[in-house]
Amino acid sequence: MMRFEKWEEEAFNYLTNLYDNFFKELSERCKECFRIDSKELFSEDVKELTPDEEQKIYDFWKKYTDDFDIAYHKYYIDRTGKFDEKFIPDDLFVGYIDGYLNNRAIEPGIADKNYFDLYLKGFKLPETYVHLINGVFEDKNYNIITKEEAINILLKHKNITVKPSMASFGGKDVKFFDNPSEEEIINYLDNLESDNLIFQETIKQSKETAKLHPNSLNTIRIMTLILDNEVKILPSAFRMGVGKSKVDNASFGGIYCKINEDGTLSNFAYDALGKKFDIHPDGGKFSDIKFDFMDKIKELVKKAAQRFPHFRLIGWDIAINENNEPVIIEANLTMSGMDVIETICGPLFGEYTEKVLNEVFLEKHRKKTSMDISQYV
């Protein structure tokens, strides 16, 4: 134990408390916000449960927590058409479960897309052309280059996707270039609003994933869970764009559909607010589609998840390229979009539900330390 002077000890205790309380407050406020959402956004056109059904839900959850609201159960049971007390309410997920399974303190750095070429070396990813990290341009091998060199590299490629590499979700601020001119590239780089961007190839997708909406890169959202020193595969969904959108994110109007065990799609889809679609808004039946590559995807994410044991629950976005190869587009290390899964597939953790809830709510936890405050005092 290092020796502190009195004023150093006071500063250390104050900063430690501030740091620890931030994540507690984050969980608490998130839980409150999601609980409000359940009443204001997800309570319309929802069937009431019978008294027996409500009692069964409360009897299951009272083993774990008294801090419980039944609203999300009503919503998910209504949308899936299946009663199950093991649905995970969004408010408890953000308030307790996600923060326990995943290290939120280190997520901002680990989730920087500019470093996935390192973390996921050996896996199929979109080819990176240029990194912009903290305002510094680098080539795909992380060698520092000038802006002029970055321009020359980008001009060699016809189709470019630019994404914020940090603090971004849901397809926000993604930019696409199709055979850009030198003037377009220069103008873009001269007016950047972010110091952290990644410039990559635009994936040309498989004919199968393009059938219902060819304008967007449509992806498979598949969840992995590290439990009992194994990577478990949780349910998966197919995410599709709508209209003129080039992204498939629900926050941009995209819709999602269950992928059955045999690779077929279910006969309905939902959007982010729970609106049901029996056919794709641009035409086409979901159930006409079957994917023969799901085993490849499951094998891929089971291996990739082992690179991130700090994040035991990950939502992977996987594209299928024109050669029918799975490509990792995104690893959602926290807040992994479990609502997408539960709206169409049923309870997120399925057969593992009680084991997960026992660990989160009932077992004694060791303190997780991600930052040594003492170095700053």
Protein backbone atom coordinates (compact mmCIF):
# COMPACT_ATOMS: atom_id res chain seq x y z
CA MET A 1 0.00 0.00 0.00
CA MET A 2 1.54 3.26 -1.08
CA ARG A 3 1.83 6.05 1.49
CA PHE A 4 -0.37 9.13 0.99
CA GLU A 5 -0.02 12.52 2.50
CA LYS A 6 -3.28 13.71 4.07
CA TRP A 7 -4.26 15.94 1.14
CA GLU A 8 -3.41 13.13 -1.31
CA GLU A 9 -5.59 10.67 0.59
CA GLU A 10 -8.48 13.14 0.57
CA ALA A 11 -8.11 13.62 -3.20
CA PHE A 12 -7.78 9.87 -3.77
CA ASN A 13 -10.92 9.06 -1.78
CA TYR A 14 -12.88 11.83 -3.49
CA LEU A 15 -11.83 10.82 -7.01
CA THR A 16 -12.36 7.11 -6.35
CA ASN A 17 -15.86 7.78 -5.09
CA LEU A 18 -16.56 10.02 -8.08
CA TYR A 19 -15.34 7.35 -10.51
CA ASP A 20 -17.25 4.48 -8.90
CA ASN A 21 -20.43 6.50 -8.59
CA PHE A 22 -20.39 7.49 -12.25
CA PHE A 23 -21.06 3.92 -13.36
CA LYS A 24 -23.63 3.37 -10.62
CA GLU A 25 -25.40 6.56 -11.64
CA LEU A 26 -25.16 5.60 -15.31
CA SER A 27 -26.93 2.31 -14.61
CA GLU A 28 -29.56 3.93 -12.39
CA ARG A 29 -30.43 6.72 -14.83
CA CYS A 30 -30.45 4.31 -17.78
CA LYS A 31 -32.87 2.09 -15.92
CA GLU A 32 -35.15 5.05 -15.19
CA CYS A 33 -35.12 6.17 -18.84
CA PHE A 34 -35.91 2.72 -20.16
CA ARG A 35 -38.70 2.32 -17.60
CA ILE A 36 -40.25 5.55 -18.89
CA ASP A 37 -39.87 4.27 -22.47
CA SER A 38 -41.79 1.12 -21.56
CA LYS A 39 -44.79 3.29 -20.56
CA GLU A 40 -44.60 5.97 -23.26
CA LEU A 41 -43.27 4.13 -26.32
CA PHE A 42 -43.99 0.43 -25.86
CA SER A 43 -47.38 0.28 -24.16
CA GLU A 44 -49.73 1.03 -27.07
CA ASP A 45 -51.61 -1.85 -28.72
CA VAL A 46 -50.33 -4.29 -26.13
CA LYS A 47 -52.63 -6.99 -24.79
CA GLU A 48 -53.06 -7.28 -21.05
CA LEU A 49 -51.80 -10.39 -19.31
CA THR A 50 -54.06 -12.61 -17.24
CA PRO A 51 -53.66 -12.48 -13.43
CA ASP A 52 -52.15 -15.97 -13.53
CA GLU A 53 -49.59 -14.92 -16.14
CA GLU A 54 -48.61 -11.82 -14.17
CA GLN A 55 -48.23 -13.87 -11.01
CA LYS A 56 -46.03 -16.40 -12.78
CA ILE A 57 -43.73 -13.57 -13.93
CA TYR A 58 -43.51 -12.00 -10.48
CA ASP A 59 -42.88 -15.38 -8.83
CA PHE A 60 -39.96 -16.00 -11.20
CA TRP A 61 -38.34 -12.57 -10.83
CA LYS A 62 -38.81 -12.05 -7.08
CA LYS A 63 -35.98 -14.57 -6.55
CA TYR A 64 -33.63 -12.04 -8.11
CA THR A 65 -34.84 -8.51 -7.41
CA ASP A 66 -37.66 -6.46 -5.91
CA ASP A 67 -36.85 -3.66 -8.37
CA PHE A 68 -39.14 -5.00 -11.05
CA ASP A 69 -41.67 -3.67 -13.54
CA ILE A 70 -43.81 -5.88 -15.74
CA ALA A 71 -44.26 -3.51 -18.70
CA TYR A 72 -41.54 -4.99 -20.94
CA HIS A 73 -42.88 -8.50 -20.39
CA LYS A 74 -46.26 -7.35 -21.67
CA TYR A 75 -44.65 -5.82 -24.75
CA TYR A 76 -42.46 -8.80 -25.67
CA ILE A 77 -45.17 -11.37 -24.99
CA ASP A 78 -47.56 -9.39 -27.18
CA ARG A 79 -45.09 -8.95 -30.05
CA THR A 80 -43.80 -12.54 -30.12
CA GLY A 81 -47.19 -14.06 -29.34
CA LYS A 82 -45.47 -16.31 -26.80
CA PHE A 83 -45.85 -16.24 -23.02
CA ASP A 84 -42.58 -16.65 -21.17
CA GLU A 85 -41.61 -15.34 -17.75
CA LYS A 86 -37.93 -15.43 -18.75
CA PHE A 87 -38.02 -12.38 -21.01
CA ILE A 88 -35.33 -9.91 -19.88
CA PRO A 89 -36.85 -6.45 -19.25
CA ASP A 90 -34.83 -3.69 -20.91
CA ASP A 91 -34.69 -1.63 -17.70
CA LEU A 92 -33.09 -4.48 -15.75
CA PHE A 93 -30.78 -5.24 -18.65
CA VAL A 94 -29.35 -1.70 -18.75
CA GLY A 95 -29.49 -1.25 -14.98
CA TYR A 96 -27.86 -4.49 -13.88
CA ILE A 97 -27.12 -7.17 -16.46
CA ASP A 98 -25.21 -5.38 -19.24
CA GLY A 99 -22.99 -3.54 -16.75
CA TYR A 100 -22.17 -6.78 -14.97
CA LEU A 101 -21.39 -8.90 -18.02
CA ASN A 102 -19.52 -6.14 -19.88
CA ASN A 103 -16.82 -3.76 -18.64
CA ARG A 104 -18.34 -0.39 -19.40
CA ALA A 105 -15.30 1.44 -18.01
CA ILE A 106 -12.97 0.27 -20.78
CA GLU A 107 -15.55 -0.04 -23.57
CA PRO A 108 -14.89 3.39 -25.20
CA GLY A 109 -11.30 2.44 -26.02
CA ILE A 110 -11.80 -1.22 -26.87
CA ALA A 111 -14.77 -0.40 -29.11
CA ASP A 112 -12.75 2.02 -31.25
CA LYS A 113 -13.28 0.60 -34.75
CA ASN A 114 -9.81 1.80 -35.76
CA TYR A 115 -8.29 -0.97 -33.68
CA PHE A 116 -10.46 -3.88 -34.77
CA ASP A 117 -7.86 -4.69 -37.44
CA LEU A 118 -5.56 -5.50 -34.50
CA TYR A 119 -8.03 -7.09 -32.09
CA LEU A 120 -9.56 -9.22 -34.84
CA LYS A 121 -6.44 -9.92 -36.87
CA GLY A 122 -6.98 -13.09 -38.87
CA PHE A 123 -10.72 -12.58 -39.20
CA LYS A 124 -12.53 -11.37 -42.32
CA LEU A 125 -13.22 -7.63 -41.98
CA PRO A 126 -13.86 -4.86 -44.52
CA GLU A 127 -10.51 -3.76 -45.92
CA THR A 128 -9.27 -0.60 -44.23
CA TYR A 129 -7.82 2.10 -46.48
CA VAL A 130 -7.06 4.90 -43.99
CA HIS A 131 -7.28 5.40 -40.23
CA LEU A 132 -7.86 8.79 -38.64
CA ILE A 133 -6.99 8.45 -34.96
CA ASN A 134 -7.02 11.46 -32.68
CA GLY A 135 -6.56 13.68 -35.74
CA VAL A 136 -3.58 11.67 -37.03
CA PHE A 137 -3.84 9.99 -40.44
CA GLU A 138 -2.41 6.48 -40.74
CA ASP A 139 -2.40 3.90 -43.50
CA LYS A 140 -3.94 0.46 -43.09
CA ASN A 141 -0.77 -0.79 -41.39
CA TYR A 142 -0.83 2.03 -38.81
CA ASN A 143 2.02 4.02 -40.35
CA ILE A 144 1.60 7.79 -39.95
CA ILE A 145 0.88 9.53 -43.25
CA THR A 146 0.09 13.06 -44.35
CA LYS A 147 -3.36 14.25 -45.38
CA GLU A 148 -2.10 14.40 -48.98
CA GLU A 149 -0.99 10.77 -48.78
CA ALA A 150 -4.39 9.84 -47.33
CA ILE A 151 -6.08 11.56 -50.28
CA ASN A 152 -3.93 9.65 -52.76
CA ILE A 153 -4.75 6.34 -51.08
CA LEU A 154 -8.49 7.05 -51.09
CA LEU A 155 -8.48 8.09 -54.75
CA LYS A 156 -7.32 4.59 -55.67
CA HIS A 157 -10.67 3.17 -54.53
CA LYS A 158 -14.09 3.57 -56.12
CA ASN A 159 -16.36 2.64 -53.21
CA ILE A 160 -15.54 3.92 -49.72
CA THR A 161 -17.45 3.76 -46.45
CA VAL A 162 -16.47 6.24 -43.74
CA LYS A 163 -17.57 5.66 -40.15
CA PRO A 164 -16.94 7.42 -36.86
CA SER A 165 -14.68 5.01 -35.02
CA MET A 166 -15.74 6.09 -31.53
CA ALA A 167 -18.88 7.23 -29.69
CA SER A 168 -21.21 6.19 -32.47
CA PHE A 169 -24.00 3.67 -32.80
CA GLY A 170 -26.97 2.85 -34.97
CA GLY A 171 -25.36 3.83 -38.28
CA LYS A 172 -25.03 7.46 -37.19
CA ASP A 173 -22.88 9.72 -39.41
CA VAL A 174 -21.86 6.95 -41.82
CA LYS A 175 -20.75 8.41 -45.18
CA PHE A 176 -20.57 6.61 -48.53
CA PHE A 177 -18.43 7.61 -51.52
CA ASP A 178 -19.14 6.14 -54.96
CA ASN A 179 -16.26 6.76 -57.38
CA PRO A 180 -15.37 10.09 -55.69
CA SER A 181 -13.48 12.86 -57.41
CA GLU A 182 -10.33 14.39 -55.94
CA GLU A 183 -12.33 17.53 -55.16
CA GLU A 184 -14.91 15.53 -53.18
CA ILE A 185 -12.24 13.80 -51.09
CA ILE A 186 -10.32 17.01 -50.41
CA ASN A 187 -13.48 18.90 -49.48
CA TYR A 188 -14.52 16.11 -47.11
CA LEU A 189 -11.14 15.92 -45.38
CA ASP A 190 -10.91 19.71 -45.11
CA ASN A 191 -14.23 19.88 -43.26
CA LEU A 192 -14.07 16.95 -40.87
CA GLU A 193 -16.26 17.11 -37.78
CA SER A 194 -14.48 14.24 -36.05
CA ASP A 195 -10.88 13.36 -35.22
CA ASN A 196 -11.65 9.64 -35.21
CA LEU A 197 -12.78 8.03 -38.45
CA ILE A 198 -12.15 4.83 -40.34
CA PHE A 199 -12.16 4.67 -44.15
CA GLN A 200 -12.97 1.19 -45.47
CA GLU A 201 -14.16 -0.70 -48.49
CA THR A 202 -17.90 -0.76 -49.12
CA ILE A 203 -18.87 -4.41 -48.94
CA LYS A 204 -20.67 -5.85 -51.96
CA GLN A 205 -23.18 -8.19 -50.43
CA SER A 206 -24.43 -11.64 -51.31
CA LYS A 207 -27.40 -12.04 -53.65
CA GLU A 208 -29.21 -13.78 -50.80
CA THR A 209 -28.92 -10.92 -48.31
CA ALA A 210 -29.72 -8.37 -51.04
CA LYS A 211 -33.00 -9.94 -52.19
CA LEU A 212 -35.38 -7.95 -49.99
CA HIS A 213 -33.50 -4.64 -50.04
CA PRO A 214 -30.46 -4.32 -52.31
CA ASN A 215 -29.81 -0.62 -51.52
CA SER A 216 -28.50 -1.28 -48.00
CA LEU A 217 -25.87 -3.60 -46.62
CA ASN A 218 -28.14 -6.00 -44.75
CA THR A 219 -26.58 -7.85 -41.84
CA ILE A 220 -27.12 -10.69 -39.42
CA ARG A 221 -27.23 -9.64 -35.77
CA ILE A 222 -26.07 -12.63 -33.74
CA MET A 223 -25.38 -12.61 -30.00
CA THR A 224 -22.63 -14.44 -28.14
CA LEU A 225 -22.43 -15.07 -24.40
CA ILE A 226 -19.37 -16.28 -22.50
CA LEU A 227 -20.68 -18.60 -19.80
CA ASP A 228 -18.98 -21.49 -18.01
CA ASN A 229 -15.80 -20.79 -19.98
CA GLU A 230 -17.57 -21.40 -23.27
CA VAL A 231 -18.98 -19.14 -25.96
CA LYS A 232 -22.71 -19.75 -26.24
CA ILE A 233 -24.64 -18.76 -29.34
CA LEU A 234 -27.85 -16.84 -28.63
CA PRO A 235 -30.67 -16.13 -31.13
CA SER A 236 -30.06 -14.18 -34.33
CA ALA A 237 -31.93 -11.69 -36.50
CA PHE A 238 -31.70 -10.45 -40.07
CA ARG A 239 -31.58 -6.65 -40.32
CA MET A 240 -32.76 -4.93 -43.49
CA GLY A 241 -32.86 -1.39 -44.76
CA VAL A 242 -36.04 0.24 -46.06
CA GLY A 243 -36.63 2.66 -48.93
CA LYS A 244 -33.58 4.65 -50.01
CA SER A 245 -31.62 3.96 -46.82
CA LYS A 246 -28.11 2.57 -47.32
CA VAL A 247 -27.92 1.24 -43.75
CA ASP A 248 -30.00 -1.44 -42.05
CA ASN A 249 -30.09 0.08 -38.56
CA ALA A 250 -33.47 0.20 -36.84
CA SER A 251 -32.73 3.80 -35.79
CA PHE A 252 -32.78 4.71 -39.50
CA GLY A 253 -36.08 2.98 -40.20
CA GLY A 254 -34.67 -0.49 -40.74
CA ILE A 255 -36.58 -3.63 -39.83
CA TYR A 256 -35.55 -6.99 -38.45
CA CYS A 257 -36.73 -10.55 -38.76
CA LYS A 258 -36.03 -13.79 -36.88
CA ILE A 259 -33.63 -16.32 -38.40
CA ASN A 260 -34.90 -19.81 -37.63
CA GLU A 261 -32.64 -22.74 -36.76
CA ASP A 262 -32.81 -24.05 -40.33
CA GLY A 263 -31.73 -20.69 -41.78
CA THR A 264 -35.17 -19.64 -42.99
CA LEU A 265 -36.63 -16.28 -42.03
CA SER A 266 -39.85 -15.98 -40.08
CA ASN A 267 -42.93 -14.62 -41.85
CA PHE A 268 -42.93 -11.23 -40.11
CA ALA A 269 -40.59 -8.41 -39.07
CA TYR A 270 -40.65 -5.42 -36.73
CA ASP A 271 -39.23 -1.92 -36.66
CA ALA A 272 -37.68 -0.18 -33.65
CA LEU A 273 -41.06 0.84 -32.20
CA GLY A 274 -42.68 -2.54 -32.59
CA LYS A 275 -44.63 -1.99 -35.81
CA LYS A 276 -45.20 -5.32 -37.51
CA PHE A 277 -44.57 -6.06 -41.19
CA ASP A 278 -45.92 -9.18 -42.90
CA ILE A 279 -43.97 -8.32 -46.05
CA HIS A 280 -41.00 -6.03 -46.59
CA PRO A 281 -42.18 -2.41 -47.11
CA ASP A 282 -40.52 -2.46 -50.54
CA GLY A 283 -42.08 -5.81 -51.43
CA GLY A 284 -41.01 -9.40 -50.88
CA LYS A 285 -41.92 -12.14 -48.42
CA PHE A 286 -39.50 -12.78 -45.55
CA SER A 287 -40.27 -16.50 -45.44
CA ASP A 288 -39.11 -16.92 -49.06
CA ILE A 289 -35.53 -16.37 -47.88
CA LYS A 290 -33.24 -19.09 -46.55
CA PHE A 291 -29.61 -18.66 -45.49
CA ASP A 292 -27.25 -21.61 -45.92
CA PHE A 293 -24.33 -19.82 -44.28
CA MET A 294 -25.50 -19.65 -40.64
CA ASP A 295 -23.12 -22.41 -39.50
CA LYS A 296 -20.20 -20.38 -40.90
CA ILE A 297 -21.39 -17.30 -39.02
CA LYS A 298 -21.77 -19.19 -35.73
CA GLU A 299 -18.27 -20.65 -36.06
CA LEU A 300 -16.88 -17.18 -36.84
CA VAL A 301 -18.42 -15.37 -33.86
CA LYS A 302 -17.60 -18.18 -31.44
CA LYS A 303 -13.93 -17.71 -32.30
CA ALA A 304 -14.08 -13.89 -32.44
CA ALA A 305 -15.81 -13.57 -29.05
CA GLN A 306 -12.77 -15.15 -27.41
CA ARG A 307 -10.78 -12.01 -28.25
CA PHE A 308 -13.01 -9.96 -25.90
CA PRO A 309 -13.46 -11.69 -22.51
CA HIS A 310 -14.02 -8.29 -20.85
CA PHE A 311 -17.28 -8.29 -22.83
CA ARG A 312 -19.13 -11.50 -22.18
CA LEU A 313 -22.25 -10.48 -24.09
CA ILE A 314 -21.64 -9.15 -27.62
CA GLY A 315 -24.01 -8.30 -30.44
CA TRP A 316 -22.22 -9.03 -33.73
CA ASP A 317 -23.24 -7.51 -37.06
CA ILE A 318 -22.16 -9.87 -39.83
CA ALA A 319 -22.43 -9.16 -43.55
CA ILE A 320 -22.22 -11.79 -46.27
CA ASN A 321 -20.07 -10.65 -49.19
CA GLU A 322 -20.57 -11.42 -52.87
CA ASN A 323 -18.51 -14.61 -52.44
CA ASN A 324 -20.90 -15.74 -49.68
CA GLU A 325 -18.23 -15.26 -47.00
CA PRO A 326 -19.18 -13.82 -43.60
CA VAL A 327 -17.55 -10.46 -42.81
CA ILE A 328 -17.48 -8.87 -39.35
CA ILE A 329 -18.93 -5.37 -39.67
CA GLU A 330 -19.44 -4.49 -36.03
CA ALA A 331 -18.93 -5.84 -32.52
CA ASN A 332 -21.37 -4.16 -30.14
CA LEU A 333 -19.56 -4.61 -26.84
CA THR A 334 -22.19 -3.01 -24.60
CA MET A 335 -25.91 -2.27 -25.00
CA SER A 336 -26.02 -4.91 -27.69
CA GLY A 337 -29.57 -4.42 -28.96
CA MET A 338 -31.21 -7.23 -27.02
CA ASP A 339 -34.62 -5.67 -27.79
CA VAL A 340 -34.15 -6.65 -31.44
CA ILE A 341 -33.76 -10.27 -30.37
CA GLU A 342 -36.54 -10.40 -27.79
CA THR A 343 -39.16 -8.78 -30.02
CA ILE A 344 -38.88 -11.54 -32.59
CA CYS A 345 -37.12 -14.51 -30.99
CA GLY A 346 -38.18 -14.75 -27.35
CA PRO A 347 -36.09 -14.47 -24.16
CA LEU A 348 -32.52 -13.33 -24.88
CA PHE A 349 -30.72 -15.93 -22.76
CA GLY A 350 -33.11 -18.82 -23.41
CA GLU A 351 -31.97 -21.97 -21.61
CA TYR A 352 -29.17 -20.02 -19.90
CA THR A 353 -31.50 -17.46 -18.27
CA GLU A 354 -31.48 -18.73 -14.70
CA LYS A 355 -27.73 -19.35 -14.70
CA VAL A 356 -27.11 -15.76 -15.89
CA LEU A 357 -29.57 -14.22 -13.44
CA ASN A 358 -28.17 -16.24 -10.54
CA GLU A 359 -24.69 -14.94 -11.31
CA VAL A 360 -25.79 -11.33 -11.79
CA PHE A 361 -28.20 -10.97 -8.86
CA LEU A 362 -27.40 -13.67 -6.29
CA GLU A 363 -23.70 -14.49 -6.33
CA LYS A 364 -21.04 -12.49 -4.50
CA HIS A 365 -19.12 -10.25 -6.92
CA ARG A 366 -15.50 -9.23 -6.82
CA LYS A 367 -14.88 -5.54 -7.36
CA LYS A 368 -13.89 -4.73 -10.94
CA THR A 369 -11.07 -2.20 -11.09
CA SER A 370 -10.25 -0.61 -14.44
CA MET A 371 -8.41 2.55 -13.39
CA ASP A 372 -5.69 3.25 -10.80
CA ILE A 373 -6.71 6.61 -9.38
CA SER A 374 -3.61 6.81 -7.20
CA GLN A 375 -1.36 7.63 -10.18
CA TYR A 376 -3.17 10.95 -10.52
CA VAL A 377 -2.64 12.10 -6.93
